[in-house]
N, C-alpha and C. Protein backbone atom coordinates (compact mmCIF):
# COMPACT_ATOMS: atom_id res chain seq x y z
N MET A 1 -90.18 117.49 -4.15
CA MET A 1 -90.87 118.58 -4.55
C MET A 1 -91.89 117.86 -5.83
N ASN A 2 -93.34 118.40 -6.15
CA ASN A 2 -94.12 117.85 -7.47
C ASN A 2 -93.26 118.31 -8.76
N PRO A 3 -93.07 116.79 -9.03
CA PRO A 3 -92.44 117.19 -10.85
C PRO A 3 -92.97 117.82 -11.75
N LYS A 4 -94.51 118.11 -11.70
CA LYS A 4 -95.46 118.78 -12.37
C LYS A 4 -95.12 120.60 -11.93
N LEU A 5 -94.01 121.20 -10.80
CA LEU A 5 -94.10 122.13 -10.37
C LEU A 5 -93.30 122.73 -10.94
N PRO A 6 -93.39 123.91 -11.69
CA PRO A 6 -91.70 125.09 -12.14
C PRO A 6 -91.09 125.87 -10.79
N SER A 7 -90.16 126.18 -11.11
CA SER A 7 -89.64 127.11 -9.76
C SER A 7 -90.12 128.39 -10.07
N ALA A 8 -90.21 129.02 -11.58
CA ALA A 8 -90.85 130.23 -12.08
C ALA A 8 -92.10 129.99 -12.69
N ILE A 9 -93.48 130.92 -13.21
CA ILE A 9 -94.44 130.40 -13.86
C ILE A 9 -94.43 131.96 -14.24
N LEU A 10 -94.52 132.36 -15.09
CA LEU A 10 -95.59 133.83 -15.65
C LEU A 10 -96.74 133.69 -16.72
N PHE A 11 -97.65 134.01 -16.05
CA PHE A 11 -99.06 133.67 -16.25
C PHE A 11 -99.02 135.49 -16.63
N ALA A 12 -99.79 135.20 -18.59
CA ALA A 12 -100.15 136.45 -19.56
C ALA A 12 -100.87 136.46 -20.03
N CYS A 13 -101.54 137.73 -20.31
CA CYS A 13 -102.59 137.47 -21.19
C CYS A 13 -102.47 139.54 -22.00
N THR A 14 -103.38 140.14 -22.25
CA THR A 14 -103.64 140.88 -23.26
C THR A 14 -103.17 142.14 -22.11
N MET A 15 -103.93 142.29 -21.09
CA MET A 15 -103.74 144.11 -20.49
C MET A 15 -103.60 143.73 -19.03
N ASN A 16 -103.50 142.52 -18.58
CA ASN A 16 -102.99 142.23 -17.38
C ASN A 16 -104.19 142.44 -16.01
N ALA A 17 -105.29 142.23 -16.60
CA ALA A 17 -106.08 143.61 -15.93
C ALA A 17 -107.58 142.02 -14.72
N ILE A 18 -107.33 140.96 -15.69
CA ILE A 18 -108.31 140.60 -15.38
C ILE A 18 -107.64 138.70 -15.80
N ARG A 19 -107.48 138.30 -16.03
CA ARG A 19 -106.63 137.06 -16.45
C ARG A 19 -105.33 136.62 -15.83
N SER A 20 -104.41 137.27 -16.75
CA SER A 20 -103.53 136.93 -15.92
C SER A 20 -103.66 137.49 -14.34
N PRO A 21 -103.83 138.48 -13.75
CA PRO A 21 -103.71 138.89 -12.32
C PRO A 21 -104.41 137.17 -11.54
N MET A 22 -105.56 137.64 -12.36
CA MET A 22 -106.41 136.44 -11.14
C MET A 22 -105.54 135.34 -11.25
N ALA A 23 -104.95 133.96 -12.17
CA ALA A 23 -104.05 132.97 -12.46
C ALA A 23 -102.71 133.11 -11.27
N ALA A 24 -102.24 133.88 -11.38
CA ALA A 24 -100.74 134.46 -10.37
C ALA A 24 -101.79 134.48 -9.22
N ALA A 25 -102.58 134.94 -9.01
CA ALA A 25 -102.46 135.31 -6.94
C ALA A 25 -103.57 133.98 -6.96
N ILE A 26 -104.31 132.78 -7.88
CA ILE A 26 -104.49 131.72 -7.23
C ILE A 26 -103.55 130.36 -7.25
N MET A 27 -102.61 131.08 -8.44
CA MET A 27 -101.28 130.09 -7.86
C MET A 27 -100.68 129.74 -6.79
N HIS A 28 -100.24 131.21 -6.80
CA HIS A 28 -99.22 132.25 -5.67
C HIS A 28 -100.06 131.84 -4.15
N HIS A 29 -101.36 131.71 -3.72
CA HIS A 29 -101.99 131.13 -3.03
C HIS A 29 -101.80 129.42 -2.82
N HIS A 30 -101.86 128.75 -3.69
CA HIS A 30 -101.17 127.52 -3.24
C HIS A 30 -100.40 127.10 -3.21
N PHE A 31 -99.06 127.86 -3.89
CA PHE A 31 -97.96 127.18 -4.02
C PHE A 31 -96.81 128.34 -3.82
N GLY A 32 -97.34 129.95 -3.65
CA GLY A 32 -95.85 131.27 -3.04
C GLY A 32 -95.19 130.27 -2.53
N HIS A 33 -95.29 129.64 -1.52
CA HIS A 33 -94.09 129.20 -0.77
C HIS A 33 -93.25 128.58 -1.45
N LYS A 34 -93.51 127.92 -2.74
CA LYS A 34 -92.43 126.77 -3.32
C LYS A 34 -92.13 127.38 -4.93
N VAL A 35 -93.45 128.40 -5.31
CA VAL A 35 -92.83 128.64 -7.16
C VAL A 35 -92.67 130.01 -6.79
N TYR A 36 -92.05 130.60 -8.17
CA TYR A 36 -91.76 132.68 -7.85
C TYR A 36 -93.30 132.42 -9.20
N VAL A 37 -93.74 133.86 -8.44
CA VAL A 37 -95.39 133.61 -9.81
C VAL A 37 -95.03 135.10 -9.95
N ALA A 38 -95.60 135.43 -11.19
CA ALA A 38 -95.74 136.58 -11.68
C ALA A 38 -96.52 136.63 -13.08
N SER A 39 -97.19 137.65 -12.88
CA SER A 39 -98.25 137.96 -14.56
C SER A 39 -97.97 139.24 -15.39
N ALA A 40 -98.10 139.59 -16.30
CA ALA A 40 -97.87 140.41 -16.86
C ALA A 40 -98.96 140.29 -18.51
N GLY A 41 -99.22 142.03 -19.09
CA GLY A 41 -99.69 141.69 -19.90
C GLY A 41 -98.82 142.52 -21.71
N ILE A 42 -99.57 142.36 -22.47
CA ILE A 42 -98.68 142.40 -24.00
C ILE A 42 -99.05 144.53 -23.54
N ALA A 43 -99.71 144.53 -22.47
CA ALA A 43 -99.92 146.40 -22.60
C ALA A 43 -100.45 146.08 -21.21
N ALA A 44 -100.12 147.44 -20.19
CA ALA A 44 -100.62 147.25 -18.78
C ALA A 44 -102.22 148.09 -19.52
N GLY A 45 -103.07 147.09 -19.03
CA GLY A 45 -104.53 148.23 -19.05
C GLY A 45 -104.96 148.76 -17.62
N ASP A 46 -106.29 149.10 -17.26
CA ASP A 46 -106.70 149.54 -16.59
C ASP A 46 -107.19 148.34 -15.20
N PRO A 47 -106.65 148.96 -14.10
CA PRO A 47 -107.33 147.73 -13.10
C PRO A 47 -108.58 147.72 -12.93
N ASP A 48 -109.35 146.51 -13.29
CA ASP A 48 -110.66 146.36 -13.14
C ASP A 48 -111.75 145.94 -12.32
N PRO A 49 -112.04 146.75 -11.21
CA PRO A 49 -112.77 146.61 -10.06
C PRO A 49 -113.36 145.39 -9.62
N PHE A 50 -114.12 144.50 -10.67
CA PHE A 50 -115.08 143.09 -10.83
C PHE A 50 -114.03 142.28 -10.70
N VAL A 51 -112.33 142.40 -10.47
CA VAL A 51 -111.52 141.43 -10.36
C VAL A 51 -111.29 141.16 -8.70
N GLY A 52 -111.09 142.41 -8.23
CA GLY A 52 -111.15 142.25 -6.33
C GLY A 52 -112.05 141.75 -6.10
N LEU A 53 -113.37 142.50 -6.13
CA LEU A 53 -114.64 141.95 -6.14
C LEU A 53 -115.01 140.40 -5.66
N ILE A 54 -114.70 139.59 -6.64
CA ILE A 54 -114.91 138.21 -7.55
C ILE A 54 -113.62 137.39 -6.40
N MET A 55 -112.48 138.24 -6.40
CA MET A 55 -111.34 137.39 -5.53
C MET A 55 -111.74 137.56 -3.58
N ASP A 56 -112.13 138.63 -3.88
CA ASP A 56 -112.30 138.77 -2.05
C ASP A 56 -113.15 137.26 -1.85
N GLU A 57 -114.14 137.06 -2.77
CA GLU A 57 -115.28 135.96 -2.42
C GLU A 57 -113.97 134.52 -2.10
N ILE A 58 -112.69 134.39 -1.97
CA ILE A 58 -112.21 133.22 -2.55
C ILE A 58 -111.20 133.22 -1.08
N GLY A 59 -111.37 134.50 -0.28
CA GLY A 59 -110.03 134.98 0.06
C GLY A 59 -108.91 135.78 -0.17
N ILE A 60 -109.15 135.90 -1.45
CA ILE A 60 -107.58 136.80 -2.24
C ILE A 60 -107.84 138.31 -2.14
N ASP A 61 -106.58 139.27 -1.88
CA ASP A 61 -106.99 140.39 -2.24
C ASP A 61 -106.36 140.51 -3.49
N LEU A 62 -107.35 141.32 -4.28
CA LEU A 62 -106.07 142.14 -5.61
C LEU A 62 -106.54 142.63 -5.61
N LYS A 63 -107.26 143.43 -4.48
CA LYS A 63 -107.54 144.74 -5.37
C LYS A 63 -106.48 146.33 -5.28
N ARG A 64 -105.20 145.72 -4.88
CA ARG A 64 -104.46 146.64 -4.94
C ARG A 64 -103.47 146.32 -5.53
N HIS A 65 -103.37 144.98 -7.41
CA HIS A 65 -102.87 144.92 -8.14
C HIS A 65 -102.95 146.39 -9.02
N ARG A 66 -101.68 146.52 -9.78
CA ARG A 66 -101.84 147.22 -10.85
C ARG A 66 -101.53 146.57 -12.17
N PRO A 67 -101.80 147.21 -13.23
CA PRO A 67 -101.54 146.10 -14.62
C PRO A 67 -100.14 146.50 -15.05
N HIS A 68 -99.93 145.73 -15.50
CA HIS A 68 -98.09 146.49 -15.94
C HIS A 68 -97.85 144.61 -17.10
N SER A 69 -96.53 145.68 -17.78
CA SER A 69 -96.28 144.48 -19.53
C SER A 69 -95.13 144.16 -19.35
N PHE A 70 -95.00 143.05 -20.25
CA PHE A 70 -94.07 141.97 -20.55
C PHE A 70 -92.74 143.89 -19.97
N GLU A 71 -92.93 145.05 -20.16
CA GLU A 71 -91.25 145.42 -19.99
C GLU A 71 -91.62 146.04 -18.89
N ASP A 72 -92.14 145.97 -17.74
CA ASP A 72 -92.23 146.41 -16.32
C ASP A 72 -91.84 145.14 -15.72
N LEU A 73 -91.46 143.28 -15.83
CA LEU A 73 -91.05 142.96 -15.22
C LEU A 73 -89.67 143.00 -14.50
N GLU A 74 -89.71 142.70 -13.42
CA GLU A 74 -88.33 142.65 -13.04
C GLU A 74 -87.31 141.64 -12.74
N ASP A 75 -87.97 140.65 -13.26
CA ASP A 75 -87.46 138.96 -14.46
C ASP A 75 -87.47 138.67 -15.20
N SER A 76 -87.11 138.08 -15.70
CA SER A 76 -87.33 137.47 -17.48
C SER A 76 -86.96 136.40 -17.33
N ALA A 77 -86.40 135.34 -16.08
CA ALA A 77 -86.20 133.99 -16.64
C ALA A 77 -87.36 132.90 -15.20
N PHE A 78 -87.98 132.50 -16.32
CA PHE A 78 -89.11 131.70 -16.52
C PHE A 78 -89.23 130.80 -16.67
N ASP A 79 -89.41 129.48 -16.21
CA ASP A 79 -89.62 127.82 -16.60
C ASP A 79 -90.57 127.65 -17.37
N LEU A 80 -90.92 128.56 -17.21
CA LEU A 80 -93.03 128.13 -17.29
C LEU A 80 -94.01 129.24 -17.88
N LEU A 81 -94.28 129.63 -19.31
CA LEU A 81 -95.40 130.92 -19.41
C LEU A 81 -96.66 130.36 -20.08
N VAL A 82 -97.72 130.69 -19.13
CA VAL A 82 -99.00 130.57 -19.51
C VAL A 82 -99.79 131.74 -19.82
N THR A 83 -99.77 131.39 -21.05
CA THR A 83 -100.57 132.30 -21.87
C THR A 83 -102.22 132.07 -22.02
N LEU A 84 -103.08 133.42 -21.79
CA LEU A 84 -104.42 133.70 -21.96
C LEU A 84 -104.79 134.29 -22.41
N SER A 85 -104.38 134.49 -23.69
CA SER A 85 -105.05 135.27 -24.64
C SER A 85 -104.17 134.79 -25.65
N PRO A 86 -105.00 135.34 -27.26
CA PRO A 86 -104.39 134.74 -28.26
C PRO A 86 -102.99 136.20 -28.26
N GLU A 87 -103.91 136.90 -28.16
CA GLU A 87 -101.84 138.20 -28.21
C GLU A 87 -100.90 137.48 -27.60
N ALA A 88 -101.28 137.13 -25.92
CA ALA A 88 -100.10 136.63 -25.31
C ALA A 88 -99.80 135.44 -26.16
N GLN A 89 -100.18 134.80 -26.42
CA GLN A 89 -99.79 133.46 -26.80
C GLN A 89 -98.46 133.84 -28.35
N LYS A 90 -99.49 134.59 -28.56
CA LYS A 90 -97.95 135.29 -30.11
C LYS A 90 -96.79 135.79 -29.46
N ARG A 91 -96.91 136.16 -28.14
CA ARG A 91 -95.47 137.17 -27.29
C ARG A 91 -94.76 135.60 -27.26
N ALA A 92 -95.60 134.34 -26.23
CA ALA A 92 -94.97 134.43 -26.50
C ALA A 92 -94.24 132.60 -27.02
N GLN A 93 -94.73 132.81 -28.47
CA GLN A 93 -93.86 132.23 -29.42
C GLN A 93 -92.91 133.22 -29.37
N ASP A 94 -93.14 134.24 -29.81
CA ASP A 94 -91.73 135.12 -29.80
C ASP A 94 -90.55 135.15 -28.85
N MET A 95 -91.05 134.69 -27.84
CA MET A 95 -89.40 134.94 -26.57
C MET A 95 -89.31 133.17 -26.38
N SER A 96 -90.05 132.25 -26.54
CA SER A 96 -89.35 131.07 -27.12
C SER A 96 -88.30 131.28 -28.00
N ARG A 97 -88.65 131.90 -29.28
CA ARG A 97 -87.67 131.50 -30.17
C ARG A 97 -86.02 131.84 -28.85
N THR A 98 -86.02 132.52 -28.13
CA THR A 98 -84.55 133.24 -28.14
C THR A 98 -84.30 132.52 -26.43
N MET A 99 -85.25 132.55 -25.43
CA MET A 99 -85.49 131.99 -24.20
C MET A 99 -85.54 130.27 -24.23
N ALA A 100 -84.88 129.79 -22.92
CA ALA A 100 -85.29 128.26 -22.57
C ALA A 100 -86.81 128.76 -22.03
N ILE A 101 -87.76 128.52 -22.15
CA ILE A 101 -88.68 128.79 -21.73
C ILE A 101 -89.90 127.64 -21.97
N ASP A 102 -90.61 126.53 -21.37
CA ASP A 102 -91.77 126.77 -22.31
C ASP A 102 -92.81 127.28 -22.17
N VAL A 103 -94.26 126.99 -23.06
CA VAL A 103 -94.52 127.66 -23.04
C VAL A 103 -96.52 126.54 -23.04
N GLU A 104 -97.61 127.26 -22.84
CA GLU A 104 -98.12 126.70 -22.67
C GLU A 104 -99.64 127.42 -22.64
N ASN A 105 -100.99 127.35 -23.56
CA ASN A 105 -101.69 128.17 -23.98
C ASN A 105 -102.99 127.91 -23.21
N TRP A 106 -103.38 128.59 -22.76
CA TRP A 106 -105.28 127.72 -21.80
C TRP A 106 -106.03 128.55 -22.45
N VAL A 107 -106.96 128.36 -23.17
CA VAL A 107 -108.04 129.11 -23.90
C VAL A 107 -109.01 129.74 -22.55
N ILE A 108 -108.73 131.37 -22.01
CA ILE A 108 -109.92 131.02 -21.32
C ILE A 108 -110.36 132.85 -21.72
N PRO A 109 -112.14 132.87 -21.83
CA PRO A 109 -112.45 133.84 -22.64
C PRO A 109 -112.30 135.46 -21.82
N ASP A 110 -112.43 136.45 -22.03
CA ASP A 110 -112.20 137.62 -21.47
C ASP A 110 -113.60 137.72 -21.14
N PRO A 111 -114.13 137.78 -19.56
CA PRO A 111 -115.34 138.33 -18.98
C PRO A 111 -115.27 140.01 -19.05
N SER A 112 -114.59 140.70 -20.01
CA SER A 112 -115.03 142.26 -19.73
C SER A 112 -115.99 142.55 -20.82
N GLY A 113 -116.29 141.46 -21.90
CA GLY A 113 -117.33 142.23 -22.87
C GLY A 113 -118.62 141.63 -22.53
N THR A 114 -118.49 141.00 -21.16
CA THR A 114 -119.75 140.56 -20.34
C THR A 114 -121.27 141.67 -20.83
N GLN A 115 -122.43 141.28 -21.70
CA GLN A 115 -122.92 141.97 -21.59
C GLN A 115 -124.41 141.96 -20.66
N GLY A 116 -125.35 142.69 -19.64
CA GLY A 116 -126.62 142.42 -18.97
C GLY A 116 -126.36 143.06 -17.11
N SER A 117 -126.46 142.15 -16.72
CA SER A 117 -127.14 143.27 -15.36
C SER A 117 -125.55 142.96 -14.52
N ARG A 118 -125.25 143.21 -13.22
CA ARG A 118 -123.91 143.48 -12.61
C ARG A 118 -123.99 141.48 -12.32
N ASP A 119 -124.71 140.96 -12.05
CA ASP A 119 -125.14 139.35 -11.45
C ASP A 119 -124.42 138.81 -12.72
N GLN A 120 -125.12 139.65 -13.63
CA GLN A 120 -124.25 137.94 -15.05
C GLN A 120 -123.44 138.32 -14.93
N ILE A 121 -122.84 139.59 -14.88
CA ILE A 121 -121.02 140.31 -15.32
C ILE A 121 -119.98 139.64 -14.12
N LEU A 122 -120.36 139.63 -13.12
CA LEU A 122 -119.94 139.07 -11.64
C LEU A 122 -120.05 137.37 -12.13
N ASP A 123 -121.26 136.86 -12.79
CA ASP A 123 -121.23 135.51 -12.65
C ASP A 123 -120.18 135.55 -13.52
N ALA A 124 -119.87 135.80 -14.83
CA ALA A 124 -118.82 135.51 -16.21
C ALA A 124 -117.44 135.58 -15.25
N TYR A 125 -117.23 136.72 -14.37
CA TYR A 125 -116.14 136.59 -14.01
C TYR A 125 -115.76 135.68 -12.63
N ARG A 126 -116.80 135.31 -12.41
CA ARG A 126 -116.12 134.05 -11.49
C ARG A 126 -116.25 133.03 -12.71
N GLN A 127 -116.94 132.79 -13.13
CA GLN A 127 -116.58 131.62 -13.99
C GLN A 127 -115.21 131.60 -14.64
N VAL A 128 -114.58 132.66 -15.14
CA VAL A 128 -112.80 132.29 -15.32
C VAL A 128 -112.18 132.51 -14.21
N ARG A 129 -112.37 133.06 -13.21
CA ARG A 129 -111.73 132.20 -11.75
C ARG A 129 -111.43 130.96 -10.97
N ASP A 130 -113.06 130.40 -11.53
CA ASP A 130 -113.27 129.17 -11.07
C ASP A 130 -112.72 128.26 -12.25
N ASP A 131 -112.70 128.37 -13.62
CA ASP A 131 -112.14 127.75 -14.58
C ASP A 131 -110.55 127.76 -14.46
N LEU A 132 -110.08 129.09 -14.25
CA LEU A 132 -108.34 129.15 -13.71
C LEU A 132 -108.20 128.25 -12.31
N ALA A 133 -108.99 128.19 -11.37
CA ALA A 133 -108.72 127.59 -10.28
C ALA A 133 -108.51 126.03 -10.34
N GLN A 134 -109.13 125.59 -11.45
CA GLN A 134 -109.22 124.15 -11.47
C GLN A 134 -108.56 124.01 -12.68
N ARG A 135 -107.97 124.92 -13.75
CA ARG A 135 -107.14 124.25 -14.36
C ARG A 135 -105.63 124.34 -13.17
N ILE A 136 -105.19 125.47 -12.77
CA ILE A 136 -104.10 125.25 -11.53
C ILE A 136 -104.18 123.93 -10.58
N LYS A 137 -105.20 123.74 -10.50
CA LYS A 137 -105.12 122.64 -9.31
C LYS A 137 -104.81 121.65 -10.48
N SER A 138 -105.50 121.12 -11.40
CA SER A 138 -105.26 120.35 -12.33
C SER A 138 -103.89 120.10 -13.03
N ARG A 139 -103.01 121.24 -13.17
CA ARG A 139 -102.51 121.23 -13.41
C ARG A 139 -100.91 120.89 -12.67
N PHE A 140 -100.98 121.45 -11.66
CA PHE A 140 -99.72 121.55 -10.71
C PHE A 140 -100.30 120.59 -9.66
N GLY A 141 -101.24 120.27 -9.19
CA GLY A 141 -101.79 119.29 -8.16
C GLY A 141 -101.94 119.94 -6.90
N ALA A 142 -102.84 121.06 -6.57
CA ALA A 142 -102.91 121.36 -5.57
C ALA A 142 -104.27 120.86 -5.12
C-alpha cells in the first residue's frame, strides 16, 4: 500500500458545492478502491451546475451531488482532513484538538465569484478542477 495514502480522507470547504466535492470525486476516481473518501462543508450550500459540466469533461459524474455539512456525515473516523477554504481550516483546527486526525490546508480559490462570460467562468472552474487533480496526484501518487 502507498505510504502516503490514508485509509479514510475527508475534503472540506465552505459550502460543499464546488471544491470539496470535486476533490472527493477526483480522489475517489483514482483511489476509491483503496480509500474511503467523503466531502463536507461548514454549511450545506446549493448544488452548482458548473461543477457537473466541468467534471463531465473528465469523465466524472457529479450532477447528482447534494451538498451537506459536517453534521450530515455518516462517519467521523478520518485519518486525513484536507481543507480547501479558510472556514474549513478553522473547523479542522477545532476538530484536531479532540480527534486523532491529520490536517492539511490546500489553498484553492473559490471560482463562484468569477465575473465575465460563460467561457471565462467555466475556465475558472476548470482551473480549480485541474489544480485539485494535480495536487491529488502529487500528494497521493496517482
